[in-house]
Amino acid sequence: MKNNQQNVSEEMILYAGVLERGMYTGLLLMFVTFLLYIFGVLEPVVPLERIDSFWNQPVHDYLVQVNREFLGWDEPPIGWSWVKLLGYGDFLNFLPVVLLSGVTILCYLFIVPGMFQRKDYWMASIALAEALILILAASGLLAVGH
């Protein structure tokens, strides 16, 4: 296989490095949070022996039932309200998923300064716009179809 590193920009290497570190960090966190959950280090909202009764439900229905049976909040934990439940083992598992989902945003934010330094304003603007659009989408401010 031919080595094509002569066509690799600094941004590509930086992006790949941030992506690799983010992926490994998320994977490690996934194992750690799952072990904390399975071994009962942190109490879950839904008891482990009851979790299988929820598996066949869509996410929204699951959250409504969890709220009804265990939380008793005025509203089910939808959107970013799960953050209030990070002290529970089953919701702590959301954290690595969020990290893995957001690592692309970090990659874009890391490469933008180098593009501006190189005076590649169009690509820097596109990368910055992409990061901002992903942040806006993840924020939940753009709810469509609800």
Protein backbone atom coordinates (compact mmCIF):
# COMPACT_ATOMS: atom_id res chain seq x y z
CA MET A 1 0.00 0.00 0.00
CA LYS A 2 1.35 3.39 -1.01
CA ASN A 3 1.97 5.99 1.67
CA ASN A 4 -0.09 9.12 0.82
CA GLN A 5 1.03 11.30 3.71
CA GLN A 6 2.30 14.01 1.39
CA ASN A 7 -1.36 14.99 0.76
CA VAL A 8 -2.27 15.18 4.45
CA SER A 9 -2.74 18.68 5.86
CA GLU A 10 -1.97 19.75 9.41
CA GLU A 11 -5.71 20.13 10.00
CA MET A 12 -6.34 16.54 8.95
CA ILE A 13 -3.71 15.27 11.37
CA LEU A 14 -5.04 17.47 14.19
CA TYR A 15 -8.65 16.45 13.46
CA ALA A 16 -7.69 12.76 13.45
CA GLY A 17 -5.74 13.15 16.70
CA VAL A 18 -8.62 14.85 18.51
CA LEU A 19 -11.04 12.26 17.10
CA GLU A 20 -8.82 9.39 18.26
CA ARG A 21 -8.39 10.78 21.78
CA GLY A 22 -12.11 11.56 22.04
CA MET A 23 -13.05 8.10 20.81
CA TYR A 24 -10.75 6.32 23.25
CA THR A 25 -11.87 8.55 26.12
CA GLY A 26 -15.52 7.89 25.30
CA LEU A 27 -14.93 4.15 25.01
CA LEU A 28 -13.09 4.03 28.34
CA LEU A 29 -15.82 6.10 29.99
CA MET A 30 -18.40 3.74 28.52
CA PHE A 31 -16.74 0.75 30.17
CA VAL A 32 -16.29 2.55 33.49
CA THR A 33 -19.85 3.87 33.70
CA PHE A 34 -21.28 0.50 32.66
CA LEU A 35 -19.26 -1.27 35.35
CA LEU A 36 -20.43 1.27 37.95
CA TYR A 37 -23.99 0.54 36.86
CA ILE A 38 -23.74 -3.26 36.70
CA PHE A 39 -21.95 -3.64 40.03
CA GLY A 40 -24.35 -1.25 41.77
CA VAL A 41 -21.73 1.29 42.82
CA LEU A 42 -24.26 3.98 41.94
CA GLU A 43 -27.93 3.26 42.53
CA PRO A 44 -29.96 3.28 39.29
CA VAL A 45 -33.29 5.03 38.79
CA VAL A 46 -34.73 1.80 37.35
CA PRO A 47 -33.76 -1.25 39.42
CA LEU A 48 -31.58 -3.67 37.44
CA GLU A 49 -34.04 -6.53 37.95
CA ARG A 50 -36.82 -4.44 36.29
CA ILE A 51 -34.91 -3.04 33.32
CA ASP A 52 -35.85 -5.87 30.95
CA SER A 53 -39.54 -4.95 31.22
CA PHE A 54 -38.73 -1.62 29.53
CA TRP A 55 -36.66 -2.91 26.59
CA ASN A 56 -39.51 -3.20 24.11
CA GLN A 57 -40.60 0.42 24.53
CA PRO A 58 -39.76 3.44 22.39
CA VAL A 59 -37.52 5.93 24.22
CA HIS A 60 -40.27 8.47 24.88
CA ASP A 61 -42.60 5.83 26.33
CA TYR A 62 -39.73 4.48 28.44
CA LEU A 63 -39.01 7.92 29.87
CA VAL A 64 -42.69 8.58 30.58
CA GLN A 65 -43.01 5.26 32.43
CA VAL A 66 -39.74 5.75 34.35
CA ASN A 67 -40.98 9.16 35.41
CA ARG A 68 -44.36 7.77 36.44
CA GLU A 69 -42.97 4.80 38.38
CA PHE A 70 -39.69 6.08 39.84
CA LEU A 71 -39.10 9.84 39.53
CA GLY A 72 -42.45 11.56 39.97
CA TRP A 73 -41.35 14.72 38.16
CA ASP A 74 -43.89 17.11 36.61
CA GLU A 75 -42.44 16.23 33.19
CA PRO A 76 -40.51 13.12 32.03
CA PRO A 77 -36.70 13.51 31.69
CA ILE A 78 -36.62 14.42 28.00
CA GLY A 79 -34.12 16.63 26.19
CA TRP A 80 -31.20 17.60 28.42
CA SER A 81 -33.04 17.06 31.71
CA TRP A 82 -31.24 13.70 32.05
CA VAL A 83 -28.22 15.72 33.24
CA LYS A 84 -29.98 16.12 36.61
CA LEU A 85 -29.89 12.31 36.91
CA LEU A 86 -26.13 11.82 36.45
CA GLY A 87 -25.85 10.67 40.06
CA TYR A 88 -27.70 7.47 39.11
CA GLY A 89 -25.90 4.54 37.51
CA ASP A 90 -28.29 4.04 34.61
CA PHE A 91 -28.26 7.71 33.56
CA LEU A 92 -24.50 8.11 34.09
CA ASN A 93 -24.16 5.83 31.05
CA PHE A 94 -25.48 8.69 28.90
CA LEU A 95 -22.29 10.70 29.51
CA PRO A 96 -19.93 8.71 27.25
CA VAL A 97 -22.59 8.62 24.52
CA VAL A 98 -22.77 12.42 24.65
CA LEU A 99 -18.97 12.64 24.54
CA LEU A 100 -18.78 10.32 21.54
CA SER A 101 -21.56 12.26 19.82
CA GLY A 102 -19.87 15.60 20.46
CA VAL A 103 -16.29 14.73 19.59
CA THR A 104 -16.83 15.89 15.99
CA ILE A 105 -17.68 19.35 17.30
CA LEU A 106 -14.39 19.41 19.22
CA CYS A 107 -12.51 18.31 16.11
CA TYR A 108 -13.91 21.22 14.11
CA LEU A 109 -13.18 23.70 16.89
CA PHE A 110 -9.57 22.49 17.14
CA ILE A 111 -8.82 22.93 13.43
CA VAL A 112 -10.38 26.39 12.99
CA PRO A 113 -7.50 28.44 14.51
CA GLY A 114 -4.93 26.86 12.18
CA MET A 115 -7.10 27.65 9.18
CA PHE A 116 -7.40 31.28 10.22
CA GLN A 117 -3.62 31.41 10.78
CA ARG A 118 -3.07 30.10 7.24
CA LYS A 119 -5.54 32.75 6.04
CA ASP A 120 -7.86 30.06 4.70
CA TYR A 121 -10.85 32.09 5.77
CA TRP A 122 -13.47 30.25 3.71
CA MET A 123 -12.60 26.81 5.09
CA ALA A 124 -12.26 28.20 8.62
CA SER A 125 -15.68 29.83 8.32
CA ILE A 126 -17.23 26.62 7.00
CA ALA A 127 -15.67 24.54 9.80
CA LEU A 128 -16.78 27.07 12.41
CA ALA A 129 -20.30 27.17 10.93
CA GLU A 130 -20.42 23.36 10.98
CA ALA A 131 -19.44 23.31 14.65
CA LEU A 132 -22.02 25.98 15.50
CA ILE A 133 -24.77 24.15 13.60
CA LEU A 134 -23.95 20.90 15.43
CA ILE A 135 -23.93 22.72 18.78
CA LEU A 136 -27.28 24.32 17.97
CA ALA A 137 -28.74 20.96 16.89
CA ALA A 138 -27.47 19.25 20.06
CA SER A 139 -28.82 22.04 22.27
CA GLY A 140 -32.40 21.03 21.53
CA LEU A 141 -33.35 24.59 20.61
CA LEU A 142 -34.39 23.46 17.13
CA ALA A 143 -37.20 21.05 17.91
CA VAL A 144 -38.88 19.96 14.67
CA GLY A 145 -42.05 17.90 14.53
CA HIS A 146 -43.01 18.22 18.20
